Amino acid sequence: MQKLARAVVGTNNIDNCSRYCQAPATVGLFRTVGYGGDSGSITDIGQADLVLIVGSNTAESHPVIATRVKRAHKLHGQKLIVSDLRENEMARRADVFLHQIRDRYHLALSGYPLSHR
C-alpha cells in the first residue's frame, strides 16, 4: 500500500493499523517496557537464541517475522517455544509446544510476568 501511495498518489503519508488497532498494545508496551512501540527489530528476532510465541499464528499473521524465525531455527539452532490454543505451523516446528488448554500453561505464562516485575 505504501508503494502505491508513493507511486500513484505521490505521497509518503498513509495511515496504517498501528494508529487504531494497536492502541491497546501501545498502552501495554508503555506500562511494561516504558516505550509505546516495538522495543526490538526484525533483525533482533532472527539473532535471538530463543523465541517465545504466545497466542499467535505467526506464520499466517506475520509471515515476514515467521520467515526469519524459521530460518534462524533451521540454520542457526535458535530455540522456539510456542504456547497456543491451536496447533499451527509454528507449533509444529517448535522445540516445545505448550497447548494452552490441555496443558494449562496459559495460566503460568500469563501470571509469571505479573508476579515478577
PDB file of N, CA and C in Angstrom:
ATOM      1  N   MET A   1       0.817  -1.177   0.000  1.00  0.00           N
ATOM      2  CA  MET A   1       0.000   0.000   0.000  1.00  0.00           C
ATOM      3  C   MET A   1       0.876   1.262   0.000  1.00  0.00           C
ATOM      4  N   GLN A   2       1.965   1.198   0.784  1.00  0.00           N
ATOM      5  CA  GLN A   2       2.874   2.346   0.841  1.00  0.00           C
ATOM      6  C   GLN A   2       3.452   2.651  -0.538  1.00  0.00           C
ATOM      7  N   LYS A   3       3.829   1.605  -1.267  1.00  0.00           N
ATOM      8  CA  LYS A   3       4.393   1.808  -2.602  1.00  0.00           C
ATOM      9  C   LYS A   3       3.354   2.428  -3.546  1.00  0.00           C
ATOM     10  N   LEU A   4       2.102   1.974  -3.444  1.00  0.00           N
ATOM     11  CA  LEU A   4       1.037   2.542  -4.251  1.00  0.00           C
ATOM     12  C   LEU A   4       0.837   4.020  -3.924  1.00  0.00           C
ATOM     13  N   ALA A   5       0.862   4.352  -2.637  1.00  0.00           N
ATOM     14  CA  ALA A   5       0.693   5.750  -2.226  1.00  0.00           C
ATOM     15  C   ALA A   5       1.818   6.622  -2.781  1.00  0.00           C
ATOM     16  N   ARG A   6       3.054   6.123  -2.736  1.00  0.00           N
ATOM     17  CA  ARG A   6       4.186   6.901  -3.254  1.00  0.00           C
ATOM     18  C   ARG A   6       4.130   7.034  -4.764  1.00  0.00           C
ATOM     19  N   ALA A   7       3.906   5.901  -5.460  1.00  0.00           N
ATOM     20  CA  ALA A   7       3.990   5.896  -6.922  1.00  0.00           C
ATOM     21  C   ALA A   7       2.781   6.526  -7.604  1.00  0.00           C
ATOM     22  N   VAL A   8       1.589   6.226  -7.116  1.00  0.00           N
ATOM     23  CA  VAL A   8       0.382   6.669  -7.804  1.00  0.00           C
ATOM     24  C   VAL A   8      -0.149   7.987  -7.247  1.00  0.00           C
ATOM     25  N   VAL A   9      -0.242   8.057  -5.922  1.00  0.00           N
ATOM     26  CA  VAL A   9      -0.809   9.255  -5.297  1.00  0.00           C
ATOM     27  C   VAL A   9       0.249  10.345  -5.124  1.00  0.00           C
ATOM     28  N   GLY A  10       1.511   9.930  -5.005  1.00  0.00           N
ATOM     29  CA  GLY A  10       2.585  10.899  -4.859  1.00  0.00           C
ATOM     30  C   GLY A  10       2.788  11.389  -3.433  1.00  0.00           C
ATOM     31  N   THR A  11       2.514  10.517  -2.451  1.00  0.00           N
ATOM     32  CA  THR A  11       2.691  10.902  -1.054  1.00  0.00           C
ATOM     33  C   THR A  11       3.273   9.752  -0.246  1.00  0.00           C
ATOM     34  N   ASN A  12       4.018  10.090   0.778  1.00  0.00           N
ATOM     35  CA  ASN A  12       4.506   9.085   1.734  1.00  0.00           C
ATOM     36  C   ASN A  12       3.565   8.969   2.921  1.00  0.00           C
ATOM     37  N   ASN A  13       2.572   9.833   2.981  1.00  0.00           N
ATOM     38  CA  ASN A  13       1.671   9.886   4.125  1.00  0.00           C
ATOM     39  C   ASN A  13       0.502   8.933   3.922  1.00  0.00           C
ATOM     40  N   ILE A  14       0.545   7.817   4.597  1.00  0.00           N
ATOM     41  CA  ILE A  14      -0.526   6.834   4.508  1.00  0.00           C
ATOM     42  C   ILE A  14      -0.799   6.299   5.908  1.00  0.00           C
ATOM     43  N   ASP A  15      -2.060   6.175   6.231  1.00  0.00           N
ATOM     44  CA  ASP A  15      -2.441   5.678   7.543  1.00  0.00           C
ATOM     45  C   ASP A  15      -2.253   4.167   7.586  1.00  0.00           C
ATOM     46  N   ASN A  16      -2.076   3.648   8.780  1.00  0.00           N
ATOM     47  CA  ASN A  16      -1.967   2.195   8.929  1.00  0.00           C
ATOM     48  C   ASN A  16      -2.659   1.777  10.219  1.00  0.00           C
ATOM     49  N   CYS A  17      -2.686   0.490  10.459  1.00  0.00           N
ATOM     50  CA  CYS A  17      -3.448  -0.026  11.591  1.00  0.00           C
ATOM     51  C   CYS A  17      -2.819   0.290  12.940  1.00  0.00           C
ATOM     52  N   SER A  18      -1.569   0.689  12.983  1.00  0.00           N
ATOM     53  CA  SER A  18      -0.933   0.928  14.281  1.00  0.00           C
ATOM     54  C   SER A  18      -1.569   2.085  15.038  1.00  0.00           C
ATOM     55  N   ARG A  19      -2.240   2.973  14.326  1.00  0.00           N
ATOM     56  CA  ARG A  19      -2.856   4.112  14.991  1.00  0.00           C
ATOM     57  C   ARG A  19      -4.097   3.712  15.776  1.00  0.00           C
ATOM     58  N   TYR A  20      -4.864   2.758  15.292  1.00  0.00           N
ATOM     59  CA  TYR A  20      -6.110   2.439  15.978  1.00  0.00           C
ATOM     60  C   TYR A  20      -6.183   1.007  16.510  1.00  0.00           C
ATOM     61  N   CYS A  21      -5.812  -0.001  15.762  1.00  0.00           N
ATOM     62  CA  CYS A  21      -5.966  -1.361  16.289  1.00  0.00           C
ATOM     63  C   CYS A  21      -4.812  -1.752  17.204  1.00  0.00           C
ATOM     64  N   GLN A  22      -3.701  -1.041  17.155  1.00  0.00           N
ATOM     65  CA  GLN A  22      -2.573  -1.338  18.029  1.00  0.00           C
ATOM     66  C   GLN A  22      -2.563  -0.484  19.287  1.00  0.00           C
ATOM     67  N   ALA A  23      -3.579   0.346  19.466  1.00  0.00           N
ATOM     68  CA  ALA A  23      -3.620   1.240  20.627  1.00  0.00           C
ATOM     69  C   ALA A  23      -3.527   0.491  21.960  1.00  0.00           C
ATOM     70  N   PRO A  24      -4.247  -0.632  22.154  1.00  0.00           N
ATOM     71  CA  PRO A  24      -4.095  -1.356  23.420  1.00  0.00           C
ATOM     72  C   PRO A  24      -2.675  -1.893  23.631  1.00  0.00           C
ATOM     73  N   ALA A  25      -2.044  -2.351  22.547  1.00  0.00           N
ATOM     74  CA  ALA A  25      -0.668  -2.844  22.661  1.00  0.00           C
ATOM     75  C   ALA A  25       0.276  -1.714  23.029  1.00  0.00           C
ATOM     76  N   THR A  26       0.033  -0.527  22.487  1.00  0.00           N
ATOM     77  CA  THR A  26       0.870   0.629  22.794  1.00  0.00           C
ATOM     78  C   THR A  26       0.828   0.938  24.282  1.00  0.00           C
ATOM     79  N   VAL A  27      -0.354   0.915  24.861  1.00  0.00           N
ATOM     80  CA  VAL A  27      -0.506   1.166  26.300  1.00  0.00           C
ATOM     81  C   VAL A  27       0.212   0.088  27.099  1.00  0.00           C
ATOM     82  N   GLY A  28       0.019  -1.171  26.725  1.00  0.00           N
ATOM     83  CA  GLY A  28       0.668  -2.278  27.428  1.00  0.00           C
ATOM     84  C   GLY A  28       2.183  -2.222  27.344  1.00  0.00           C
ATOM     85  N   LEU A  29       2.708  -1.920  26.156  1.00  0.00           N
ATOM     86  CA  LEU A  29       4.150  -1.797  25.996  1.00  0.00           C
ATOM     87  C   LEU A  29       4.708  -0.642  26.837  1.00  0.00           C
ATOM     88  N   PHE A  30       3.997   0.461  26.847  1.00  0.00           N
ATOM     89  CA  PHE A  30       4.464   1.603  27.632  1.00  0.00           C
ATOM     90  C   PHE A  30       4.519   1.255  29.116  1.00  0.00           C
ATOM     91  N   ARG A  31       3.517   0.547  29.597  1.00  0.00           N
ATOM     92  CA  ARG A  31       3.481   0.166  31.021  1.00  0.00           C
ATOM     93  C   ARG A  31       4.566  -0.841  31.375  1.00  0.00           C
ATOM     94  N   THR A  32       4.877  -1.748  30.462  1.00  0.00           N
ATOM     95  CA  THR A  32       5.830  -2.807  30.795  1.00  0.00           C
ATOM     96  C   THR A  32       7.279  -2.472  30.461  1.00  0.00           C
ATOM     97  N   VAL A  33       7.517  -1.856  29.315  1.00  0.00           N
ATOM     98  CA  VAL A  33       8.903  -1.591  28.915  1.00  0.00           C
ATOM     99  C   VAL A  33       9.231  -0.103  28.841  1.00  0.00           C
ATOM    100  N   GLY A  34       8.241   0.752  29.113  1.00  0.00           N
ATOM    101  CA  GLY A  34       8.494   2.184  29.145  1.00  0.00           C
ATOM    102  C   GLY A  34       8.526   2.858  27.796  1.00  0.00           C
ATOM    103  N   TYR A  35       8.115   2.131  26.761  1.00  0.00           N
ATOM    104  CA  TYR A  35       8.110   2.688  25.410  1.00  0.00           C
ATOM    105  C   TYR A  35       6.894   2.142  24.689  1.00  0.00           C
ATOM    106  N   GLY A  36       6.142   2.980  24.033  1.00  0.00           N
ATOM    107  CA  GLY A  36       4.890   2.574  23.415  1.00  0.00           C
ATOM    108  C   GLY A  36       5.009   1.977  22.038  1.00  0.00           C
ATOM    109  N   GLY A  37       6.169   1.516  21.663  1.00  0.00           N
ATOM    110  CA  GLY A  37       6.362   0.894  20.355  1.00  0.00           C
ATOM    111  C   GLY A  37       7.209  -0.349  20.501  1.00  0.00           C
ATOM    112  N   ASP A  38       7.463  -0.976  19.400  1.00  0.00           N
ATOM    113  CA  ASP A  38       8.297  -2.171  19.435  1.00  0.00           C
ATOM    114  C   ASP A  38       9.663  -1.840  20.015  1.00  0.00           C
ATOM    115  N   SER A  39      10.140  -2.704  20.879  1.00  0.00           N
ATOM    116  CA  SER A  39      11.415  -2.447  21.538  1.00  0.00           C
ATOM    117  C   SER A  39      12.587  -3.128  20.851  1.00  0.00           C
ATOM    118  N   GLY A  40      12.314  -3.841  19.786  1.00  0.00           N
ATOM    119  CA  GLY A  40      13.378  -4.531  19.069  1.00  0.00           C
ATOM    120  C   GLY A  40      13.143  -4.420  17.573  1.00  0.00           C
ATOM    121  N   SER A  41      13.923  -5.180  16.823  1.00  0.00           N
ATOM    122  CA  SER A  41      13.788  -5.138  15.372  1.00  0.00           C
ATOM    123  C   SER A  41      13.628  -6.559  14.839  1.00  0.00           C
ATOM    124  N   ILE A  42      13.286  -6.651  13.569  1.00  0.00           N
ATOM    125  CA  ILE A  42      13.179  -7.964  12.937  1.00  0.00           C
ATOM    126  C   ILE A  42      14.534  -8.658  12.951  1.00  0.00           C
ATOM    127  N   THR A  43      15.593  -7.905  12.794  1.00  0.00           N
ATOM    128  CA  THR A  43      16.947  -8.472  12.846  1.00  0.00           C
ATOM    129  C   THR A  43      17.223  -9.072  14.218  1.00  0.00           C
ATOM    130  N   ASP A  44      16.796  -8.390  15.277  1.00  0.00           N
ATOM    131  CA  ASP A  44      16.977  -8.908  16.632  1.00  0.00           C
ATOM    132  C   ASP A  44      16.299 -10.262  16.805  1.00  0.00           C
ATOM    133  N   ILE A  45      15.109 -10.413  16.237  1.00  0.00           N
ATOM    134  CA  ILE A  45      14.380 -11.677  16.352  1.00  0.00           C
ATOM    135  C   ILE A  45      15.163 -12.797  15.678  1.00  0.00           C
ATOM    136  N   GLY A  46      15.720 -12.526  14.522  1.00  0.00           N
ATOM    137  CA  GLY A  46      16.499 -13.532  13.809  1.00  0.00           C
ATOM    138  C   GLY A  46      17.790 -13.907  14.510  1.00  0.00           C
ATOM    139  N   GLN A  47      18.318 -13.013  15.359  1.00  0.00           N
ATOM    140  CA  GLN A  47      19.579 -13.271  16.053  1.00  0.00           C
ATOM    141  C   GLN A  47      19.396 -13.771  17.480  1.00  0.00           C
ATOM    142  N   ALA A  48      18.161 -13.856  17.932  1.00  0.00           N
ATOM    143  CA  ALA A  48      17.896 -14.294  19.312  1.00  0.00           C
ATOM    144  C   ALA A  48      18.206 -15.784  19.476  1.00  0.00           C
ATOM    145  N   ASP A  49      18.607 -16.157  20.682  1.00  0.00           N
ATOM    146  CA  ASP A  49      18.851 -17.569  20.983  1.00  0.00           C
ATOM    147  C   ASP A  49      17.545 -18.331  21.172  1.00  0.00           C
ATOM    148  N   LEU A  50      16.517 -17.617  21.623  1.00  0.00           N
ATOM    149  CA  LEU A  50      15.225 -18.224  21.918  1.00  0.00           C
ATOM    150  C   LEU A  50      14.111 -17.286  21.501  1.00  0.00           C
ATOM    151  N   VAL A  51      13.079 -17.839  20.873  1.00  0.00           N
ATOM    152  CA  VAL A  51      11.865 -17.080  20.555  1.00  0.00           C
ATOM    153  C   VAL A  51      10.700 -17.784  21.234  1.00  0.00           C
ATOM    154  N   LEU A  52       9.903 -16.998  21.952  1.00  0.00           N
ATOM    155  CA  LEU A  52       8.698 -17.493  22.616  1.00  0.00           C
ATOM    156  C   LEU A  52       7.501 -16.841  21.944  1.00  0.00           C
ATOM    157  N   ILE A  53       6.643 -17.660  21.360  1.00  0.00           N
ATOM    158  CA  ILE A  53       5.429 -17.172  20.699  1.00  0.00           C
ATOM    159  C   ILE A  53       4.247 -17.609  21.549  1.00  0.00           C
ATOM    160  N   VAL A  54       3.473 -16.644  22.000  1.00  0.00           N
ATOM    161  CA  VAL A  54       2.314 -16.938  22.845  1.00  0.00           C
ATOM    162  C   VAL A  54       1.054 -16.427  22.160  1.00  0.00           C
ATOM    163  N   GLY A  55       0.136 -17.339  21.866  1.00  0.00           N
ATOM    164  CA  GLY A  55      -1.169 -16.962  21.335  1.00  0.00           C
ATOM    165  C   GLY A  55      -1.147 -16.288  19.981  1.00  0.00           C
ATOM    166  N   SER A  56      -0.244 -16.679  19.120  1.00  0.00           N
ATOM    167  CA  SER A  56      -0.151 -16.057  17.799  1.00  0.00           C
ATOM    168  C   SER A  56       0.059 -17.123  16.741  1.00  0.00           C
ATOM    169  N   ASN A  57      -0.660 -16.991  15.648  1.00  0.00           N
ATOM    170  CA  ASN A  57      -0.400 -17.816  14.487  1.00  0.00           C
ATOM    171  C   ASN A  57       0.533 -17.003  13.592  1.00  0.00           C
ATOM    172  N   THR A  58       1.771 -16.924  13.993  1.00  0.00           N
ATOM    173  CA  THR A  58       2.750 -16.036  13.379  1.00  0.00           C
ATOM    174  C   THR A  58       2.944 -16.300  11.894  1.00  0.00           C
ATOM    175  N   ALA A  59       2.928 -17.558  11.485  1.00  0.00           N
ATOM    176  CA  ALA A  59       3.150 -17.877  10.078  1.00  0.00           C
ATOM    177  C   ALA A  59       2.077 -17.259   9.184  1.00  0.00           C
ATOM    178  N   GLU A  60       0.852 -17.155   9.676  1.00  0.00           N
ATOM    179  CA  GLU A  60      -0.219 -16.548   8.883  1.00  0.00           C
ATOM    180  C   GLU A  60      -0.341 -15.051   9.116  1.00  0.00           C
ATOM    181  N   SER A  61      -0.193 -14.622  10.354  1.00  0.00           N
ATOM    182  CA  SER A  61      -0.422 -13.219  10.691  1.00  0.00           C
ATOM    183  C   SER A  61       0.781 -12.320  10.435  1.00  0.00           C
ATOM    184  N   HIS A  62       1.974 -12.862  10.581  1.00  0.00           N
ATOM    185  CA  HIS A  62       3.211 -12.082  10.438  1.00  0.00           C
ATOM    186  C   HIS A  62       4.228 -12.893   9.638  1.00  0.00           C
ATOM    187  N   PRO A  63       3.975 -13.105   8.342  1.00  0.00           N
ATOM    188  CA  PRO A  63       4.830 -14.005   7.563  1.00  0.00           C
ATOM    189  C   PRO A  63       6.291 -13.579   7.457  1.00  0.00           C
ATOM    190  N   VAL A  64       6.572 -12.298   7.459  1.00  0.00           N
ATOM    191  CA  VAL A  64       7.975 -11.852   7.379  1.00  0.00           C
ATOM    192  C   VAL A  64       8.720 -12.257   8.653  1.00  0.00           C
ATOM    193  N   ILE A  65       8.103 -12.017   9.790  1.00  0.00           N
ATOM    194  CA  ILE A  65       8.709 -12.407  11.073  1.00  0.00           C
ATOM    195  C   ILE A  65       8.858 -13.927  11.124  1.00  0.00           C
ATOM    196  N   ALA A  66       7.807 -14.640  10.711  1.00  0.00           N
ATOM    197  CA  ALA A  66       7.843 -16.106  10.747  1.00  0.00           C
ATOM    198  C   ALA A  66       8.977 -16.648   9.887  1.00  0.00           C
ATOM    199  N   THR A  67       9.203 -16.034   8.731  1.00  0.00           N
ATOM    200  CA  THR A  67      10.292 -16.476   7.859  1.00  0.00           C
ATOM    201  C   THR A  67      11.639 -16.319   8.548  1.00  0.00           C
ATOM    202  N   ARG A  68      11.842 -15.217   9.237  1.00  0.00           N
ATOM    203  CA  ARG A  68      13.105 -15.002   9.964  1.00  0.00           C
ATOM    204  C   ARG A  68      13.275 -16.028  11.078  1.00  0.00           C
ATOM    205  N   VAL A  69      12.192 -16.295  11.804  1.00  0.00           N
ATOM    206  CA  VAL A  69      12.260 -17.267  12.900  1.00  0.00           C
ATOM    207  C   VAL A  69      12.526 -18.660  12.350  1.00  0.00           C
ATOM    208  N   LYS A  70      11.819 -19.045  11.286  1.00  0.00           N
ATOM    209  CA  LYS A  70      12.012 -20.373  10.701  1.00  0.00           C
ATOM    210  C   LYS A  70      13.445 -20.551  10.193  1.00  0.00           C
ATOM    211  N   ARG A  71      13.975 -19.512   9.555  1.00  0.00           N
ATOM    212  CA  ARG A  71      15.346 -19.577   9.041  1.00  0.00           C
ATOM    213  C   ARG A  71      16.358 -19.731  10.175  1.00  0.00           C
ATOM    214  N   ALA A  72      16.212 -18.907  11.213  1.00  0.00           N
ATOM    215  CA  ALA A  72      17.144 -18.967  12.351  1.00  0.00           C
ATOM    216  C   ALA A  72      17.017 -20.287  13.097  1.00  0.00           C
ATOM    217  N   HIS A  73      15.809 -20.793  13.205  1.00  0.00           N
ATOM    218  CA  HIS A  73      15.570 -22.073  13.889  1.00  0.00           C
ATOM    219  C   HIS A  73      16.244 -23.216  13.131  1.00  0.00           C
ATOM    220  N   LYS A  74      16.098 -23.203  11.811  1.00  0.00           N
ATOM    221  CA  LYS A  74      16.646 -24.280  10.987  1.00  0.00           C
ATOM    222  C   LYS A  74      18.159 -24.176  10.801  1.00  0.00           C
ATOM    223  N   LEU A  75      18.648 -22.985  10.503  1.00  0.00           N
ATOM    224  CA  LEU A  75      20.053 -22.832  10.127  1.00  0.00           C
ATOM    225  C   LEU A  75      20.992 -22.508  11.291  1.00  0.00           C
ATOM    226  N   HIS A  76      20.472 -21.854  12.329  1.00  0.00           N
ATOM    227  CA  HIS A  76      21.347 -21.379  13.399  1.00  0.00           C
ATOM    228  C   HIS A  76      21.027 -21.967  14.768  1.00  0.00           C
ATOM    229  N   GLY A  77      20.113 -22.928  14.818  1.00  0.00           N
ATOM    230  CA  GLY A  77      19.818 -23.597  16.073  1.00  0.00           C
ATOM    231  C   GLY A  77      19.028 -22.774  17.082  1.00  0.00           C
ATOM    232  N   GLN A  78      18.351 -21.737  16.609  1.00  0.00           N
ATOM    233  CA  GLN A  78      17.525 -20.938  17.506  1.00  0.00           C
ATOM    234  C   GLN A  78      16.447 -21.840  18.120  1.00  0.00           C
ATOM    235  N   LYS A  79      16.225 -21.695  19.414  1.00  0.00           N
ATOM    236  CA  LYS A  79      15.193 -22.462  20.099  1.00  0.00           C
ATOM    237  C   LYS A  79      13.861 -21.744  19.934  1.00  0.00           C
ATOM    238  N   LEU A  80      12.799 -22.525  19.779  1.00  0.00           N
ATOM    239  CA  LEU A  80      11.467 -21.975  19.560  1.00  0.00           C
ATOM    240  C   LEU A  80      10.483 -22.652  20.497  1.00  0.00           C
ATOM    241  N   ILE A  81       9.791 -21.844  21.283  1.00  0.00           N
ATOM    242  CA  ILE A  81       8.733 -22.319  22.167  1.00  0.00           C
ATOM    243  C   ILE A  81       7.446 -21.630  21.742  1.00  0.00           C
ATOM    244  N   VAL A  82       6.393 -22.422  21.541  1.00  0.00           N
ATOM    245  CA  VAL A  82       5.098 -21.884  21.144  1.00  0.00           C
ATOM    246  C   VAL A  82       4.062 -22.315  22.166  1.00  0.00           C
ATOM    247  N   SER A  83       3.278 -21.352  22.632  1.00  0.00           N
ATOM    248  CA  SER A  83       2.156 -21.626  23.523  1.00  0.00           C
ATOM    249  C   SER A  83       0.908 -21.071  22.855  1.00  0.00           C
ATOM    250  N   ASP A  84      -0.013 -21.953  22.525  1.00  0.00           N
ATOM    251  CA  ASP A  84      -1.204 -21.525  21.796  1.00  0.00           C
ATOM    252  C   ASP A  84      -2.330 -22.516  22.026  1.00  0.00           C
ATOM    253  N   LEU A  85      -3.530 -22.081  21.692  1.00  0.00           N
ATOM    254  CA  LEU A  85      -4.693 -22.965  21.743  1.00  0.00           C
ATOM    255  C   LEU A  85      -4.709 -23.915  20.554  1.00  0.00           C
ATOM    256  N   ARG A  86      -4.110 -23.462  19.438  1.00  0.00           N
ATOM    257  CA  ARG A  86      -4.143 -24.218  18.196  1.00  0.00           C
ATOM    258  C   ARG A  86      -2.769 -24.773  17.873  1.00  0.00           C
ATOM    259  N   GLU A  87      -2.770 -25.924  17.235  1.00  0.00           N
ATOM    260  CA  GLU A  87      -1.505 -26.460  16.749  1.00  0.00           C
ATOM    261  C   GLU A  87      -1.315 -25.962  15.322  1.00  0.00           C
ATOM    262  N   ASN A  88      -0.616 -24.836  15.197  1.00  0.00           N
ATOM    263  CA  ASN A  88      -0.409 -24.221  13.887  1.00  0.00           C
ATOM    264  C   ASN A  88       0.988 -24.561  13.366  1.00  0.00           C
ATOM    265  N   GLU A  89       1.354 -23.958  12.256  1.00  0.00           N
ATOM    266  CA  GLU A  89       2.655 -24.265  11.636  1.00  0.00           C
ATOM    267  C   GLU A  89       3.826 -24.028  12.584  1.00  0.00           C
ATOM    268  N   MET A  90       3.819 -22.899  13.278  1.00  0.00           N
ATOM    269  CA  MET A  90       4.931 -22.600  14.185  1.00  0.00           C
ATOM    270  C   MET A  90       4.962 -23.584  15.357  1.00  0.00           C
ATOM    271  N   ALA A  91       3.799 -24.027  15.804  1.00  0.00           N
ATOM    272  CA  ALA A  91       3.732 -25.013  16.890  1.00  0.00           C
ATOM    273  C   ALA A  91       4.339 -26.343  16.440  1.00  0.00           C
ATOM    274  N   ARG A  92       4.070 -26.718  15.205  1.00  0.00           N
ATOM    275  CA  ARG A  92       4.633 -27.973  14.686  1.00  0.00           C
ATOM    276  C   ARG A  92       6.152 -27.883  14.531  1.00  0.00           C
ATOM    277  N   ARG A  93       6.682 -26.709  14.283  1.00  0.00           N
ATOM    278  CA  ARG A  93       8.130 -26.518  14.137  1.00  0.00           C
ATOM    279  C   ARG A  93       8.842 -26.368  15.481  1.00  0.00           C
ATOM    280  N   ALA A  94       8.096 -26.028  16.501  1.00  0.00           N
ATOM    281  CA  ALA A  94       8.682 -25.645  17.791  1.00  0.00           C
ATOM    282  C   ALA A  94       9.434 -26.784  18.460  1.00  0.00           C
ATOM    283  N   ASP A  95      10.452 -26.405  19.219  1.00  0.00           N
ATOM    284  CA  ASP A  95      11.146 -27.365  20.069  1.00  0.00           C
ATOM    285  C   ASP A  95      10.233 -27.801  21.214  1.00  0.00           C
ATOM    286  N   VAL A  96       9.432 -26.857  21.694  1.00  0.00           N
ATOM    287  CA  VAL A  96       8.466 -27.136  22.754  1.00  0.00           C
ATOM    288  C   VAL A  96       7.148 -26.480  22.366  1.00  0.00           C
ATOM    289  N   PHE A  97       6.069 -27.273  22.355  1.00  0.00           N
ATOM    290  CA  PHE A  97       4.732 -26.736  22.107  1.00  0.00           C
ATOM    291  C   PHE A  97       3.911 -26.930  23.369  1.00  0.00           C
ATOM    292  N   LEU A  98       3.460 -25.827  23.929  1.00  0.00           N
ATOM    293  CA  LEU A  98       2.633 -25.854  25.123  1.00  0.00           C
ATOM    294  C   LEU A  98       1.197 -25.574  24.707  1.00  0.00           C
ATOM    295  N   HIS A  99       0.384 -26.611  24.708  1.00  0.00           N
ATOM    296  CA  HIS A  99      -1.026 -26.425  24.362  1.00  0.00           C
ATOM    297  C   HIS A  99      -1.700 -25.762  25.557  1.00  0.00           C
ATOM    298  N   GLN A 100      -2.190 -24.547  25.363  1.00  0.00           N
ATOM    299  CA  GLN A 100      -2.618 -23.712  26.485  1.00  0.00           C
ATOM    300  C   GLN A 100      -3.734 -24.325  27.317  1.00  0.00           C
ATOM    301  N   ILE A 101      -4.702 -24.951  26.709  1.00  0.00           N
ATOM    302  CA  ILE A 101      -5.819 -25.508  27.478  1.00  0.00           C
ATOM    303  C   ILE A 101      -5.466 -26.894  27.994  1.00  0.00           C
ATOM    304  N   ARG A 102      -5.030 -27.769  27.117  1.00  0.00           N
ATOM    305  CA  ARG A 102      -4.728 -29.148  27.508  1.00  0.00           C
ATOM    306  C   ARG A 102      -3.677 -29.187  28.614  1.00  0.00           C
ATOM    307  N   ASP A 103      -2.615 -28.400  28.461  1.00  0.00           N
ATOM    308  CA  ASP A 103      -1.514 -28.444  29.422  1.00  0.00           C
ATOM    309  C   ASP A 103      -1.625 -27.384  30.516  1.00  0.00           C
ATOM    310  N   ARG A 104      -2.595 -26.475  30.380  1.00  0.00           N
ATOM    311  CA  ARG A 104      -2.869 -25.405  31.354  1.00  0.00           C
ATOM    312  C   ARG A 104      -1.683 -24.450  31.537  1.00  0.00           C
ATOM    313  N   TYR A 105      -0.870 -24.291  30.514  1.00  0.00           N
ATOM    314  CA  TYR A 105       0.283 -23.400  30.605  1.00  0.00           C
ATOM    315  C   TYR A 105      -0.094 -21.934  30.463  1.00  0.00           C
ATOM    316  N   HIS A 106      -1.283 -21.660  29.929  1.00  0.00           N
ATOM    317  CA  HIS A 106      -1.673 -20.268  29.734  1.00  0.00           C
ATOM    318  C   HIS A 106      -1.731 -19.522  31.064  1.00  0.00           C
ATOM    319  N   LEU A 107      -2.097 -20.204  32.125  1.00  0.00           N
ATOM    320  CA  LEU A 107      -2.160 -19.555  33.439  1.00  0.00           C
ATOM    321  C   LEU A 107      -0.764 -19.208  33.950  1.00  0.00           C
ATOM    322  N   ALA A 108       0.158 -20.125  33.813  1.00  0.00           N
ATOM    323  CA  ALA A 108       1.526 -19.874  34.270  1.00  0.00           C
ATOM    324  C   ALA A 108       2.194 -18.780  33.437  1.00  0.00           C
ATOM    325  N   LEU A 109       2.005 -18.817  32.124  1.00  0.00           N
ATOM    326  CA  LEU A 109       2.634 -17.832  31.253  1.00  0.00           C
ATOM    327  C   LEU A 109       2.083 -16.434  31.465  1.00  0.00           C
ATOM    328  N   SER A 110       0.782 -16.341  31.760  1.00  0.00           N
ATOM    329  CA  SER A 110       0.207 -15.009  31.979  1.00  0.00           C
ATOM    330  C   SER A 110       0.450 -14.504  33.394  1.00  0.00           C
ATOM    331  N   GLY A 111       0.582 -15.406  34.359  1.00  0.00           N
ATOM    332  CA  GLY A 111       0.774 -14.990  35.741  1.00  0.00           C
ATOM    333  C   GLY A 111       2.203 -14.649  36.107  1.00  0.00           C
ATOM    334  N   TYR A 112       3.174 -15.280  35.472  1.00  0.00           N
ATOM    335  CA  TYR A 112       4.574 -15.050  35.833  1.00  0.00           C
ATOM    336  C   TYR A 112       5.010 -13.599  35.670  1.00  0.00           C
ATOM    337  N   PRO A 113       4.743 -12.955  34.507  1.00  0.00           N
ATOM    338  CA  PRO A 113       5.180 -11.548  34.388  1.00  0.00           C
ATOM    339  C   PRO A 113       4.528 -10.621  35.412  1.00  0.00           C
ATOM    340  N   LEU A 114       3.312 -10.945  35.812  1.00  0.00           N
ATOM    341  CA  LEU A 114       2.619 -10.101  36.776  1.00  0.00           C
ATOM    342  C   LEU A 114       3.247 -10.190  38.160  1.00  0.00           C
ATOM    343  N   SER A 115       3.767 -11.365  38.497  1.00  0.00           N
ATOM    344  CA  SER A 115       4.337 -11.524  39.843  1.00  0.00           C
ATOM    345  C   SER A 115       5.836 -11.286  39.898  1.00  0.00           C
ATOM    346  N   HIS A 116       6.474 -11.082  38.763  1.00  0.00           N
ATOM    347  CA  HIS A 116       7.928 -10.892  38.722  1.00  0.00           C
ATOM    348  C   HIS A 116       8.289  -9.633  37.939  1.00  0.00           C
ATOM    349  N   ARG A 117       7.832  -8.502  38.404  1.00  0.00           N
ATOM    350  CA  ARG A 117       8.111  -7.230  37.718  1.00  0.00           C
ATOM    351  C   ARG A 117       9.488  -6.742  38.033  1.00  0.00           C
TER     352      ARG A 117
END
